[in-house]
Every structure is written in structure tokens, then in C-alpha cells.
Amino acid sequence: MRYRELRWPCDFPVSVVHGDTRLQARIVNVSAGGARLRVENAPEPGQVVSLEFGNNRLAATVRWARAGMCGVRLLTPLNKPELSMIRRGHPNATSLVSGRWNAHLHEMR
């Protein structure tokens, strides 16, 4: 039986770059090793693309494409801060340590 990575639903904006083409897309679910994208005119399976957001650029291979969606396998897995940022849906957010409050939030009494 093949192991499948844990995936998280999200809504994260990225640019998909392949060749001279730049497409706007949304990551709709993510794991450390891959993602599902909502994108019109998705690249063909087998193509190597770049996912760009902020100052980040991730290389990925398109595994499948159909009906405005595609799946990509990242060539280098996401680290914990990148994965956390994508899961939260904010490209410029800093990472949150699991189980702790954000420093700017205060408990209401």
C-alpha cells in the first residue's frame, strides 16, 4: 500500500510560471510534497513549472490536469514555515508555532 501525505484544505494565491506563460492560480489543498491548484489553462502533465508567491519560488512537476484544476508534485518538499503560511492563506504572514498564541493577540477577560 502506498503512503499518502496528509493534505490540508486552503485558499492561497500563487503564480504558475511555465516557459513564457504566467498564470494566476489558487492552491486549494496542500501537503509537504505537493498541491492541488485551481487554474485556467493548466500546464500539461509532465511539465516542470514554478509556483511563485512573495519572494518564494517553488519548482514542481505537473502530475495531472483537468477541468480547471491540476495537481503538482514539488521537487523540494515545503518546510514547516512555508507549509504553515500556505495553510493559513496569507502570502506575507509569519509562521505560527502550533499550540501558542500569536504575540499580538491578547486574551480577553
PDB file of N, CA and C in Angstrom:
ATOM      1  N   MET A   1       0.833  -1.179   0.000  1.00  0.00           N
ATOM      2  CA  MET A   1       0.000   0.000   0.000  1.00  0.00           C
ATOM      3  C   MET A   1       0.878   1.243   0.000  1.00  0.00           C
ATOM      4  N   ARG A   2       0.522   2.201  -0.813  1.00  0.00           N
ATOM      5  CA  ARG A   2       1.304   3.426  -0.955  1.00  0.00           C
ATOM      6  C   ARG A   2       0.873   4.457   0.089  1.00  0.00           C
ATOM      7  N   TYR A   3       1.823   5.065   0.756  1.00  0.00           N
ATOM      8  CA  TYR A   3       1.564   6.083   1.764  1.00  0.00           C
ATOM      9  C   TYR A   3       1.151   7.384   1.091  1.00  0.00           C
ATOM     10  N   ARG A   4       0.110   8.027   1.607  1.00  0.00           N
ATOM     11  CA  ARG A   4      -0.338   9.311   1.073  1.00  0.00           C
ATOM     12  C   ARG A   4      -0.143  10.373   2.152  1.00  0.00           C
ATOM     13  N   GLU A   5       0.523  11.452   1.782  1.00  0.00           N
ATOM     14  CA  GLU A   5       0.779  12.530   2.724  1.00  0.00           C
ATOM     15  C   GLU A   5      -0.518  13.183   3.189  1.00  0.00           C
ATOM     16  N   LEU A   6      -0.503  13.681   4.404  1.00  0.00           N
ATOM     17  CA  LEU A   6      -1.632  14.421   4.941  1.00  0.00           C
ATOM     18  C   LEU A   6      -1.800  15.705   4.148  1.00  0.00           C
ATOM     19  N   ARG A   7      -3.028  15.991   3.727  1.00  0.00           N
ATOM     20  CA  ARG A   7      -3.311  17.192   2.940  1.00  0.00           C
ATOM     21  C   ARG A   7      -4.225  18.108   3.739  1.00  0.00           C
ATOM     22  N   TRP A   8      -4.025  19.416   3.543  1.00  0.00           N
ATOM     23  CA  TRP A   8      -4.839  20.404   4.232  1.00  0.00           C
ATOM     24  C   TRP A   8      -5.548  21.286   3.207  1.00  0.00           C
ATOM     25  N   PRO A   9      -6.838  21.549   3.409  1.00  0.00           N
ATOM     26  CA  PRO A   9      -7.525  22.492   2.539  1.00  0.00           C
ATOM     27  C   PRO A   9      -7.014  23.905   2.801  1.00  0.00           C
ATOM     28  N   CYS A  10      -6.982  24.719   1.783  1.00  0.00           N
ATOM     29  CA  CYS A  10      -6.524  26.101   1.931  1.00  0.00           C
ATOM     30  C   CYS A  10      -7.037  26.916   0.745  1.00  0.00           C
ATOM     31  N   ASP A  11      -6.718  28.186   0.747  1.00  0.00           N
ATOM     32  CA  ASP A  11      -7.045  29.075  -0.365  1.00  0.00           C
ATOM     33  C   ASP A  11      -5.908  30.084  -0.431  1.00  0.00           C
ATOM     34  N   PHE A  12      -4.900  29.784  -1.238  1.00  0.00           N
ATOM     35  CA  PHE A  12      -3.664  30.546  -1.244  1.00  0.00           C
ATOM     36  C   PHE A  12      -3.314  30.981  -2.669  1.00  0.00           C
ATOM     37  N   PRO A  13      -3.121  32.284  -2.912  1.00  0.00           N
ATOM     38  CA  PRO A  13      -2.817  32.759  -4.270  1.00  0.00           C
ATOM     39  C   PRO A  13      -1.362  32.521  -4.669  1.00  0.00           C
ATOM     40  N   VAL A  14      -1.150  32.033  -5.880  1.00  0.00           N
ATOM     41  CA  VAL A  14       0.188  31.847  -6.443  1.00  0.00           C
ATOM     42  C   VAL A  14       0.170  32.182  -7.929  1.00  0.00           C
ATOM     43  N   SER A  15       1.347  32.397  -8.480  1.00  0.00           N
ATOM     44  CA  SER A  15       1.515  32.488  -9.929  1.00  0.00           C
ATOM     45  C   SER A  15       2.166  31.201 -10.391  1.00  0.00           C
ATOM     46  N   VAL A  16       1.659  30.633 -11.470  1.00  0.00           N
ATOM     47  CA  VAL A  16       2.242  29.432 -12.065  1.00  0.00           C
ATOM     48  C   VAL A  16       2.980  29.886 -13.317  1.00  0.00           C
ATOM     49  N   VAL A  17       4.283  29.648 -13.344  1.00  0.00           N
ATOM     50  CA  VAL A  17       5.106  30.078 -14.471  1.00  0.00           C
ATOM     51  C   VAL A  17       5.632  28.839 -15.191  1.00  0.00           C
ATOM     52  N   HIS A  18       5.362  28.773 -16.504  1.00  0.00           N
ATOM     53  CA  HIS A  18       5.952  27.716 -17.332  1.00  0.00           C
ATOM     54  C   HIS A  18       6.273  28.334 -18.686  1.00  0.00           C
ATOM     55  N   GLY A  19       7.560  28.284 -19.031  1.00  0.00           N
ATOM     56  CA  GLY A  19       8.017  28.945 -20.248  1.00  0.00           C
ATOM     57  C   GLY A  19       7.830  30.446 -20.104  1.00  0.00           C
ATOM     58  N   ASP A  20       7.223  31.062 -21.124  1.00  0.00           N
ATOM     59  CA  ASP A  20       6.949  32.497 -21.089  1.00  0.00           C
ATOM     60  C   ASP A  20       5.556  32.807 -20.553  1.00  0.00           C
ATOM     61  N   THR A  21       4.858  31.799 -20.057  1.00  0.00           N
ATOM     62  CA  THR A  21       3.486  31.972 -19.599  1.00  0.00           C
ATOM     63  C   THR A  21       3.422  32.094 -18.077  1.00  0.00           C
ATOM     64  N   ARG A  22       2.668  33.077 -17.614  1.00  0.00           N
ATOM     65  CA  ARG A  22       2.423  33.271 -16.175  1.00  0.00           C
ATOM     66  C   ARG A  22       0.909  33.234 -15.971  1.00  0.00           C
ATOM     67  N   LEU A  23       0.457  32.300 -15.136  1.00  0.00           N
ATOM     68  CA  LEU A  23      -0.966  32.136 -14.851  1.00  0.00           C
ATOM     69  C   LEU A  23      -1.230  32.412 -13.377  1.00  0.00           C
ATOM     70  N   GLN A  24      -2.363  33.037 -13.090  1.00  0.00           N
ATOM     71  CA  GLN A  24      -2.769  33.223 -11.699  1.00  0.00           C
ATOM     72  C   GLN A  24      -3.527  31.976 -11.271  1.00  0.00           C
ATOM     73  N   ALA A  25      -3.239  31.502 -10.058  1.00  0.00           N
ATOM     74  CA  ALA A  25      -3.852  30.276  -9.566  1.00  0.00           C
ATOM     75  C   ALA A  25      -4.094  30.390  -8.066  1.00  0.00           C
ATOM     76  N   ARG A  26      -4.808  29.403  -7.523  1.00  0.00           N
ATOM     77  CA  ARG A  26      -5.044  29.293  -6.085  1.00  0.00           C
ATOM     78  C   ARG A  26      -4.695  27.872  -5.672  1.00  0.00           C
ATOM     79  N   ILE A  27      -3.938  27.740  -4.599  1.00  0.00           N
ATOM     80  CA  ILE A  27      -3.709  26.418  -4.021  1.00  0.00           C
ATOM     81  C   ILE A  27      -4.945  26.098  -3.196  1.00  0.00           C
ATOM     82  N   VAL A  28      -5.609  24.979  -3.491  1.00  0.00           N
ATOM     83  CA  VAL A  28      -6.835  24.620  -2.775  1.00  0.00           C
ATOM     84  C   VAL A  28      -6.620  23.493  -1.772  1.00  0.00           C
ATOM     85  N   ASN A  29      -5.551  22.727  -1.922  1.00  0.00           N
ATOM     86  CA  ASN A  29      -5.114  21.837  -0.848  1.00  0.00           C
ATOM     87  C   ASN A  29      -3.619  21.622  -0.994  1.00  0.00           C
ATOM     88  N   VAL A  30      -2.970  21.338   0.135  1.00  0.00           N
ATOM     89  CA  VAL A  30      -1.517  21.293   0.153  1.00  0.00           C
ATOM     90  C   VAL A  30      -1.023  20.211   1.103  1.00  0.00           C
ATOM     91  N   SER A  31       0.098  19.622   0.756  1.00  0.00           N
ATOM     92  CA  SER A  31       0.847  18.738   1.639  1.00  0.00           C
ATOM     93  C   SER A  31       2.301  19.184   1.541  1.00  0.00           C
ATOM     94  N   ALA A  32       3.169  18.606   2.316  1.00  0.00           N
ATOM     95  CA  ALA A  32       4.580  18.994   2.255  1.00  0.00           C
ATOM     96  C   ALA A  32       5.175  18.734   0.874  1.00  0.00           C
ATOM     97  N   GLY A  33       4.661  17.736   0.156  1.00  0.00           N
ATOM     98  CA  GLY A  33       5.252  17.361  -1.121  1.00  0.00           C
ATOM     99  C   GLY A  33       4.486  17.721  -2.369  1.00  0.00           C
ATOM    100  N   GLY A  34       3.291  18.320  -2.219  1.00  0.00           N
ATOM    101  CA  GLY A  34       2.519  18.626  -3.409  1.00  0.00           C
ATOM    102  C   GLY A  34       1.323  19.500  -3.119  1.00  0.00           C
ATOM    103  N   ALA A  35       0.567  19.811  -4.178  1.00  0.00           N
ATOM    104  CA  ALA A  35      -0.588  20.689  -4.030  1.00  0.00           C
ATOM    105  C   ALA A  35      -1.574  20.477  -5.171  1.00  0.00           C
ATOM    106  N   ARG A  36      -2.824  20.844  -4.899  1.00  0.00           N
ATOM    107  CA  ARG A  36      -3.845  20.902  -5.942  1.00  0.00           C
ATOM    108  C   ARG A  36      -4.104  22.379  -6.203  1.00  0.00           C
ATOM    109  N   LEU A  37      -4.086  22.749  -7.486  1.00  0.00           N
ATOM    110  CA  LEU A  37      -4.270  24.141  -7.877  1.00  0.00           C
ATOM    111  C   LEU A  37      -5.547  24.316  -8.671  1.00  0.00           C
ATOM    112  N   ARG A  38      -6.218  25.437  -8.451  1.00  0.00           N
ATOM    113  CA  ARG A  38      -7.317  25.860  -9.316  1.00  0.00           C
ATOM    114  C   ARG A  38      -6.714  26.856 -10.283  1.00  0.00           C
ATOM    115  N   VAL A  39      -6.669  26.495 -11.567  1.00  0.00           N
ATOM    116  CA  VAL A  39      -6.020  27.340 -12.572  1.00  0.00           C
ATOM    117  C   VAL A  39      -6.649  27.083 -13.939  1.00  0.00           C
ATOM    118  N   GLU A  40      -6.939  28.163 -14.648  1.00  0.00           N
ATOM    119  CA  GLU A  40      -7.446  28.030 -16.015  1.00  0.00           C
ATOM    120  C   GLU A  40      -6.263  27.737 -16.945  1.00  0.00           C
ATOM    121  N   ASN A  41      -6.493  26.962 -17.986  1.00  0.00           N
ATOM    122  CA  ASN A  41      -5.451  26.610 -18.959  1.00  0.00           C
ATOM    123  C   ASN A  41      -4.226  26.009 -18.280  1.00  0.00           C
ATOM    124  N   ALA A  42      -4.452  25.005 -17.466  1.00  0.00           N
ATOM    125  CA  ALA A  42      -3.376  24.361 -16.710  1.00  0.00           C
ATOM    126  C   ALA A  42      -2.310  23.785 -17.635  1.00  0.00           C
ATOM    127  N   PRO A  43      -1.056  23.817 -17.208  1.00  0.00           N
ATOM    128  CA  PRO A  43       0.015  23.193 -17.987  1.00  0.00           C
ATOM    129  C   PRO A  43      -0.235  21.686 -18.132  1.00  0.00           C
ATOM    130  N   GLU A  44       0.358  21.108 -19.137  1.00  0.00           N
ATOM    131  CA  GLU A  44       0.198  19.683 -19.409  1.00  0.00           C
ATOM    132  C   GLU A  44       0.946  18.841 -18.374  1.00  0.00           C
ATOM    133  N   PRO A  45       0.434  17.645 -18.063  1.00  0.00           N
ATOM    134  CA  PRO A  45       1.154  16.744 -17.161  1.00  0.00           C
ATOM    135  C   PRO A  45       2.568  16.470 -17.676  1.00  0.00           C
ATOM    136  N   GLY A  46       3.510  16.441 -16.754  1.00  0.00           N
ATOM    137  CA  GLY A  46       4.911  16.217 -17.094  1.00  0.00           C
ATOM    138  C   GLY A  46       5.726  17.494 -17.186  1.00  0.00           C
ATOM    139  N   GLN A  47       5.064  18.644 -17.357  1.00  0.00           N
ATOM    140  CA  GLN A  47       5.799  19.902 -17.450  1.00  0.00           C
ATOM    141  C   GLN A  47       6.308  20.329 -16.080  1.00  0.00           C
ATOM    142  N   VAL A  48       7.499  20.923 -16.075  1.00  0.00           N
ATOM    143  CA  VAL A  48       8.056  21.497 -14.859  1.00  0.00           C
ATOM    144  C   VAL A  48       7.654  22.968 -14.829  1.00  0.00           C
ATOM    145  N   VAL A  49       7.082  23.398 -13.709  1.00  0.00           N
ATOM    146  CA  VAL A  49       6.608  24.769 -13.541  1.00  0.00           C
ATOM    147  C   VAL A  49       7.208  25.361 -12.275  1.00  0.00           C
ATOM    148  N   SER A  50       7.077  26.665 -12.127  1.00  0.00           N
ATOM    149  CA  SER A  50       7.447  27.352 -10.886  1.00  0.00           C
ATOM    150  C   SER A  50       6.189  27.913 -10.266  1.00  0.00           C
ATOM    151  N   LEU A  51       6.046  27.733  -8.951  1.00  0.00           N
ATOM    152  CA  LEU A  51       4.975  28.367  -8.202  1.00  0.00           C
ATOM    153  C   LEU A  51       5.608  29.547  -7.487  1.00  0.00           C
ATOM    154  N   GLU A  52       5.106  30.739  -7.753  1.00  0.00           N
ATOM    155  CA  GLU A  52       5.702  31.943  -7.181  1.00  0.00           C
ATOM    156  C   GLU A  52       4.705  32.674  -6.294  1.00  0.00           C
ATOM    157  N   PHE A  53       5.172  33.074  -5.116  1.00  0.00           N
ATOM    158  CA  PHE A  53       4.387  33.892  -4.191  1.00  0.00           C
ATOM    159  C   PHE A  53       5.361  34.676  -3.328  1.00  0.00           C
ATOM    160  N   GLY A  54       5.135  35.974  -3.223  1.00  0.00           N
ATOM    161  CA  GLY A  54       6.074  36.821  -2.487  1.00  0.00           C
ATOM    162  C   GLY A  54       7.463  36.682  -3.096  1.00  0.00           C
ATOM    163  N   ASN A  55       8.457  36.422  -2.264  1.00  0.00           N
ATOM    164  CA  ASN A  55       9.832  36.205  -2.730  1.00  0.00           C
ATOM    165  C   ASN A  55      10.154  34.733  -2.903  1.00  0.00           C
ATOM    166  N   ASN A  56       9.158  33.874  -2.816  1.00  0.00           N
ATOM    167  CA  ASN A  56       9.368  32.430  -2.889  1.00  0.00           C
ATOM    168  C   ASN A  56       9.124  31.910  -4.298  1.00  0.00           C
ATOM    169  N   ARG A  57       9.925  30.939  -4.669  1.00  0.00           N
ATOM    170  CA  ARG A  57       9.758  30.252  -5.953  1.00  0.00           C
ATOM    171  C   ARG A  57       9.964  28.762  -5.696  1.00  0.00           C
ATOM    172  N   LEU A  58       8.948  27.972  -6.016  1.00  0.00           N
ATOM    173  CA  LEU A  58       8.992  26.529  -5.811  1.00  0.00           C
ATOM    174  C   LEU A  58       8.894  25.818  -7.149  1.00  0.00           C
ATOM    175  N   ALA A  59       9.813  24.918  -7.431  1.00  0.00           N
ATOM    176  CA  ALA A  59       9.763  24.121  -8.653  1.00  0.00           C
ATOM    177  C   ALA A  59       8.858  22.912  -8.410  1.00  0.00           C
ATOM    178  N   ALA A  60       8.059  22.594  -9.427  1.00  0.00           N
ATOM    179  CA  ALA A  60       7.128  21.476  -9.300  1.00  0.00           C
ATOM    180  C   ALA A  60       6.899  20.830 -10.665  1.00  0.00           C
ATOM    181  N   THR A  61       6.484  19.580 -10.639  1.00  0.00           N
ATOM    182  CA  THR A  61       6.106  18.852 -11.853  1.00  0.00           C
ATOM    183  C   THR A  61       4.599  18.671 -11.852  1.00  0.00           C
ATOM    184  N   VAL A  62       3.963  18.991 -12.964  1.00  0.00           N
ATOM    185  CA  VAL A  62       2.520  18.797 -13.087  1.00  0.00           C
ATOM    186  C   VAL A  62       2.266  17.300 -13.228  1.00  0.00           C
ATOM    187  N   ARG A  63       1.440  16.753 -12.329  1.00  0.00           N
ATOM    188  CA  ARG A  63       1.136  15.318 -12.350  1.00  0.00           C
ATOM    189  C   ARG A  63      -0.143  15.014 -13.124  1.00  0.00           C
ATOM    190  N   TRP A  64      -1.149  15.904 -13.018  1.00  0.00           N
ATOM    191  CA  TRP A  64      -2.414  15.723 -13.723  1.00  0.00           C
ATOM    192  C   TRP A  64      -3.054  17.092 -13.931  1.00  0.00           C
ATOM    193  N   ALA A  65      -3.930  17.181 -14.924  1.00  0.00           N
ATOM    194  CA  ALA A  65      -4.651  18.425 -15.207  1.00  0.00           C
ATOM    195  C   ALA A  65      -5.986  18.090 -15.847  1.00  0.00           C
ATOM    196  N   ARG A  66      -7.065  18.710 -15.318  1.00  0.00           N
ATOM    197  CA  ARG A  66      -8.394  18.546 -15.902  1.00  0.00           C
ATOM    198  C   ARG A  66      -9.366  19.553 -15.282  1.00  0.00           C
ATOM    199  N   ALA A  67     -10.294  20.027 -16.067  1.00  0.00           N
ATOM    200  CA  ALA A  67     -11.420  20.860 -15.624  1.00  0.00           C
ATOM    201  C   ALA A  67     -11.025  22.005 -14.693  1.00  0.00           C
ATOM    202  N   GLY A  68     -10.049  22.817 -15.090  1.00  0.00           N
ATOM    203  CA  GLY A  68      -9.674  23.974 -14.297  1.00  0.00           C
ATOM    204  C   GLY A  68      -8.875  23.678 -13.044  1.00  0.00           C
ATOM    205  N   MET A  69      -8.383  22.459 -12.904  1.00  0.00           N
ATOM    206  CA  MET A  69      -7.587  22.057 -11.743  1.00  0.00           C
ATOM    207  C   MET A  69      -6.350  21.308 -12.233  1.00  0.00           C
ATOM    208  N   CYS A  70      -5.310  21.307 -11.399  1.00  0.00           N
ATOM    209  CA  CYS A  70      -4.157  20.457 -11.678  1.00  0.00           C
ATOM    210  C   CYS A  70      -3.487  20.088 -10.358  1.00  0.00           C
ATOM    211  N   GLY A  71      -2.768  19.003 -10.388  1.00  0.00           N
ATOM    212  CA  GLY A  71      -2.009  18.553  -9.230  1.00  0.00           C
ATOM    213  C   GLY A  71      -0.531  18.657  -9.536  1.00  0.00           C
ATOM    214  N   VAL A  72       0.237  19.141  -8.567  1.00  0.00           N
ATOM    215  CA  VAL A  72       1.679  19.261  -8.759  1.00  0.00           C
ATOM    216  C   VAL A  72       2.423  18.541  -7.647  1.00  0.00           C
ATOM    217  N   ARG A  73       3.575  18.007  -7.989  1.00  0.00           N
ATOM    218  CA  ARG A  73       4.495  17.396  -7.039  1.00  0.00           C
ATOM    219  C   ARG A  73       5.679  18.335  -6.925  1.00  0.00           C
ATOM    220  N   LEU A  74       5.953  18.819  -5.724  1.00  0.00           N
ATOM    221  CA  LEU A  74       7.065  19.746  -5.510  1.00  0.00           C
ATOM    222  C   LEU A  74       8.393  19.006  -5.612  1.00  0.00           C
ATOM    223  N   LEU A  75       9.372  19.620  -6.264  1.00  0.00           N
ATOM    224  CA  LEU A  75      10.682  18.983  -6.404  1.00  0.00           C
ATOM    225  C   LEU A  75      11.443  19.006  -5.086  1.00  0.00           C
ATOM    226  N   THR A  76      11.184  20.001  -4.249  1.00  0.00           N
ATOM    227  CA  THR A  76      11.739  20.078  -2.892  1.00  0.00           C
ATOM    228  C   THR A  76      10.568  20.250  -1.948  1.00  0.00           C
ATOM    229  N   PRO A  77      10.401  19.361  -0.957  1.00  0.00           N
ATOM    230  CA  PRO A  77       9.256  19.483  -0.050  1.00  0.00           C
ATOM    231  C   PRO A  77       9.243  20.823   0.690  1.00  0.00           C
ATOM    232  N   LEU A  78       8.043  21.276   1.034  1.00  0.00           N
ATOM    233  CA  LEU A  78       7.888  22.502   1.809  1.00  0.00           C
ATOM    234  C   LEU A  78       8.438  22.315   3.217  1.00  0.00           C
ATOM    235  N   ASN A  79       9.071  23.365   3.739  1.00  0.00           N
ATOM    236  CA  ASN A  79       9.478  23.312   5.145  1.00  0.00           C
ATOM    237  C   ASN A  79       8.270  23.731   5.995  1.00  0.00           C
ATOM    238  N   LYS A  80       8.377  23.585   7.303  1.00  0.00           N
ATOM    239  CA  LYS A  80       7.234  23.860   8.178  1.00  0.00           C
ATOM    240  C   LYS A  80       6.724  25.295   8.088  1.00  0.00           C
ATOM    241  N   PRO A  81       7.587  26.330   8.082  1.00  0.00           N
ATOM    242  CA  PRO A  81       7.052  27.692   7.958  1.00  0.00           C
ATOM    243  C   PRO A  81       6.320  27.938   6.634  1.00  0.00           C
ATOM    244  N   GLU A  82       6.849  27.407   5.523  1.00  0.00           N
ATOM    245  CA  GLU A  82       6.177  27.574   4.226  1.00  0.00           C
ATOM    246  C   GLU A  82       4.813  26.883   4.235  1.00  0.00           C
ATOM    247  N   LEU A  83       4.778  25.658   4.741  1.00  0.00           N
ATOM    248  CA  LEU A  83       3.539  24.897   4.794  1.00  0.00           C
ATOM    249  C   LEU A  83       2.512  25.608   5.676  1.00  0.00           C
ATOM    250  N   SER A  84       2.946  26.107   6.801  1.00  0.00           N
ATOM    251  CA  SER A  84       2.057  26.829   7.711  1.00  0.00           C
ATOM    252  C   SER A  84       1.499  28.089   7.052  1.00  0.00           C
ATOM    253  N   MET A  85       2.332  28.835   6.358  1.00  0.00           N
ATOM    254  CA  MET A  85       1.908  30.059   5.683  1.00  0.00           C
ATOM    255  C   MET A  85       0.853  29.752   4.614  1.00  0.00           C
ATOM    256  N   ILE A  86       1.084  28.726   3.816  1.00  0.00           N
ATOM    257  CA  ILE A  86       0.138  28.359   2.765  1.00  0.00           C
ATOM    258  C   ILE A  86      -1.177  27.882   3.366  1.00  0.00           C
ATOM    259  N   ARG A  87      -1.110  27.104   4.428  1.00  0.00           N
ATOM    260  CA  ARG A  87      -2.332  26.614   5.076  1.00  0.00           C
ATOM    261  C   ARG A  87      -3.187  27.753   5.596  1.00  0.00           C
ATOM    262  N   ARG A  88      -2.558  28.811   6.096  1.00  0.00           N
ATOM    263  CA  ARG A  88      -3.297  29.957   6.622  1.00  0.00           C
ATOM    264  C   ARG A  88      -3.829  30.858   5.514  1.00  0.00           C
ATOM    265  N   GLY A  89      -3.244  30.784   4.316  1.00  0.00           N
ATOM    266  CA  GLY A  89      -3.760  31.542   3.190  1.00  0.00           C
ATOM    267  C   GLY A  89      -3.265  32.961   3.063  1.00  0.00           C
ATOM    268  N   HIS A  90      -2.180  33.315   3.745  1.00  0.00           N
ATOM    269  CA  HIS A  90      -1.659  34.682   3.698  1.00  0.00           C
ATOM    270  C   HIS A  90      -0.206  34.660   3.243  1.00  0.00           C
ATOM    271  N   PRO A  91       0.090  35.119   2.017  1.00  0.00           N
ATOM    272  CA  PRO A  91       1.452  35.052   1.478  1.00  0.00           C
ATOM    273  C   PRO A  91       2.499  35.812   2.284  1.00  0.00           C
ATOM    274  N   ASN A  92       2.118  36.846   3.015  1.00  0.00           N
ATOM    275  CA  ASN A  92       3.112  37.633   3.743  1.00  0.00           C
ATOM    276  C   ASN A  92       3.068  37.407   5.244  1.00  0.00           C
ATOM    277  N   ALA A  93       2.345  36.393   5.692  1.00  0.00           N
ATOM    278  CA  ALA A  93       2.217  36.128   7.126  1.00  0.00           C
ATOM    279  C   ALA A  93       3.457  35.430   7.664  1.00  0.00           C
ATOM    280  N   THR A  94       3.750  35.676   8.918  1.00  0.00           N
ATOM    281  CA  THR A  94       4.842  34.955   9.575  1.00  0.00           C
ATOM    282  C   THR A  94       4.276  33.665  10.128  1.00  0.00           C
ATOM    283  N   SER A  95       5.128  32.686  10.367  1.00  0.00           N
ATOM    284  CA  SER A  95       4.641  31.387  10.811  1.00  0.00           C
ATOM    285  C   SER A  95       4.202  31.435  12.269  1.00  0.00           C
ATOM    286  N   LEU A  96       3.253  30.615  12.592  1.00  0.00           N
ATOM    287  CA  LEU A  96       2.716  30.491  13.935  1.00  0.00           C
ATOM    288  C   LEU A  96       3.185  29.174  14.512  1.00  0.00           C
ATOM    289  N   VAL A  97       3.734  29.201  15.703  1.00  0.00           N
ATOM    290  CA  VAL A  97       4.143  27.974  16.360  1.00  0.00           C
ATOM    291  C   VAL A  97       2.880  27.287  16.855  1.00  0.00           C
ATOM    292  N   SER A  98       2.694  26.039  16.474  1.00  0.00           N
ATOM    293  CA  SER A  98       1.486  25.313  16.811  1.00  0.00           C
ATOM    294  C   SER A  98       1.268  25.269  18.320  1.00  0.00           C
ATOM    295  N   GLY A  99       0.012  25.532  18.733  1.00  0.00           N
ATOM    296  CA  GLY A  99      -0.333  25.440  20.139  1.00  0.00           C
ATOM    297  C   GLY A  99      -0.055  26.691  20.943  1.00  0.00           C
ATOM    298  N   ARG A 100       0.386  27.782  20.341  1.00  0.00           N
ATOM    299  CA  ARG A 100       0.679  29.011  21.057  1.00  0.00           C
ATOM    300  C   ARG A 100      -0.117  30.161  20.466  1.00  0.00           C
ATOM    301  N   TRP A 101      -0.294  31.199  21.258  1.00  0.00           N
ATOM    302  CA  TRP A 101      -0.980  32.393  20.795  1.00  0.00           C
ATOM    303  C   TRP A 101      -0.045  33.241  19.961  1.00  0.00           C
ATOM    304  N   ASN A 102      -0.585  33.976  19.023  1.00  0.00           N
ATOM    305  CA  ASN A 102       0.196  34.996  18.330  1.00  0.00           C
ATOM    306  C   ASN A 102       0.585  36.054  19.339  1.00  0.00           C
ATOM    307  N   ALA A 103       1.750  36.646  19.195  1.00  0.00           N
ATOM    308  CA  ALA A 103       2.228  37.643  20.141  1.00  0.00           C
ATOM    309  C   ALA A 103       1.333  38.878  20.184  1.00  0.00           C
ATOM    310  N   HIS A 104       0.669  39.220  19.076  1.00  0.00           N
ATOM    311  CA  HIS A 104      -0.148  40.415  19.061  1.00  0.00           C
ATOM    312  C   HIS A 104      -1.586  40.183  19.563  1.00  0.00           C
ATOM    313  N   LEU A 105      -1.962  38.949  19.846  1.00  0.00           N
ATOM    314  CA  LEU A 105      -3.302  38.668  20.356  1.00  0.00           C
ATOM    315  C   LEU A 105      -3.258  38.641  21.878  1.00  0.00           C
ATOM    316  N   HIS A 106      -4.297  39.160  22.491  1.00  0.00           N
ATOM    317  CA  HIS A 106      -4.386  39.176  23.948  1.00  0.00           C
ATOM    318  C   HIS A 106      -5.663  38.497  24.373  1.00  0.00           C
ATOM    319  N   GLU A 107      -5.568  37.745  25.434  1.00  0.00           N
ATOM    320  CA  GLU A 107      -6.733  37.081  25.960  1.00  0.00           C
ATOM    321  C   GLU A 107      -7.694  38.121  26.527  1.00  0.00           C
ATOM    322  N   MET A 108      -8.967  37.970  26.208  1.00  0.00           N
ATOM    323  CA  MET A 108      -9.973  38.903  26.727  1.00  0.00           C
ATOM    324  C   MET A 108     -10.468  38.399  28.072  1.00  0.00           C
ATOM    325  N   ARG A 109     -10.565  39.281  29.050  1.00  0.00           N
ATOM    326  CA  ARG A 109     -11.063  38.924  30.387  1.00  0.00           C
ATOM    327  C   ARG A 109     -12.257  39.748  30.748  1.00  0.00           C
TER     328      ARG A 109
END
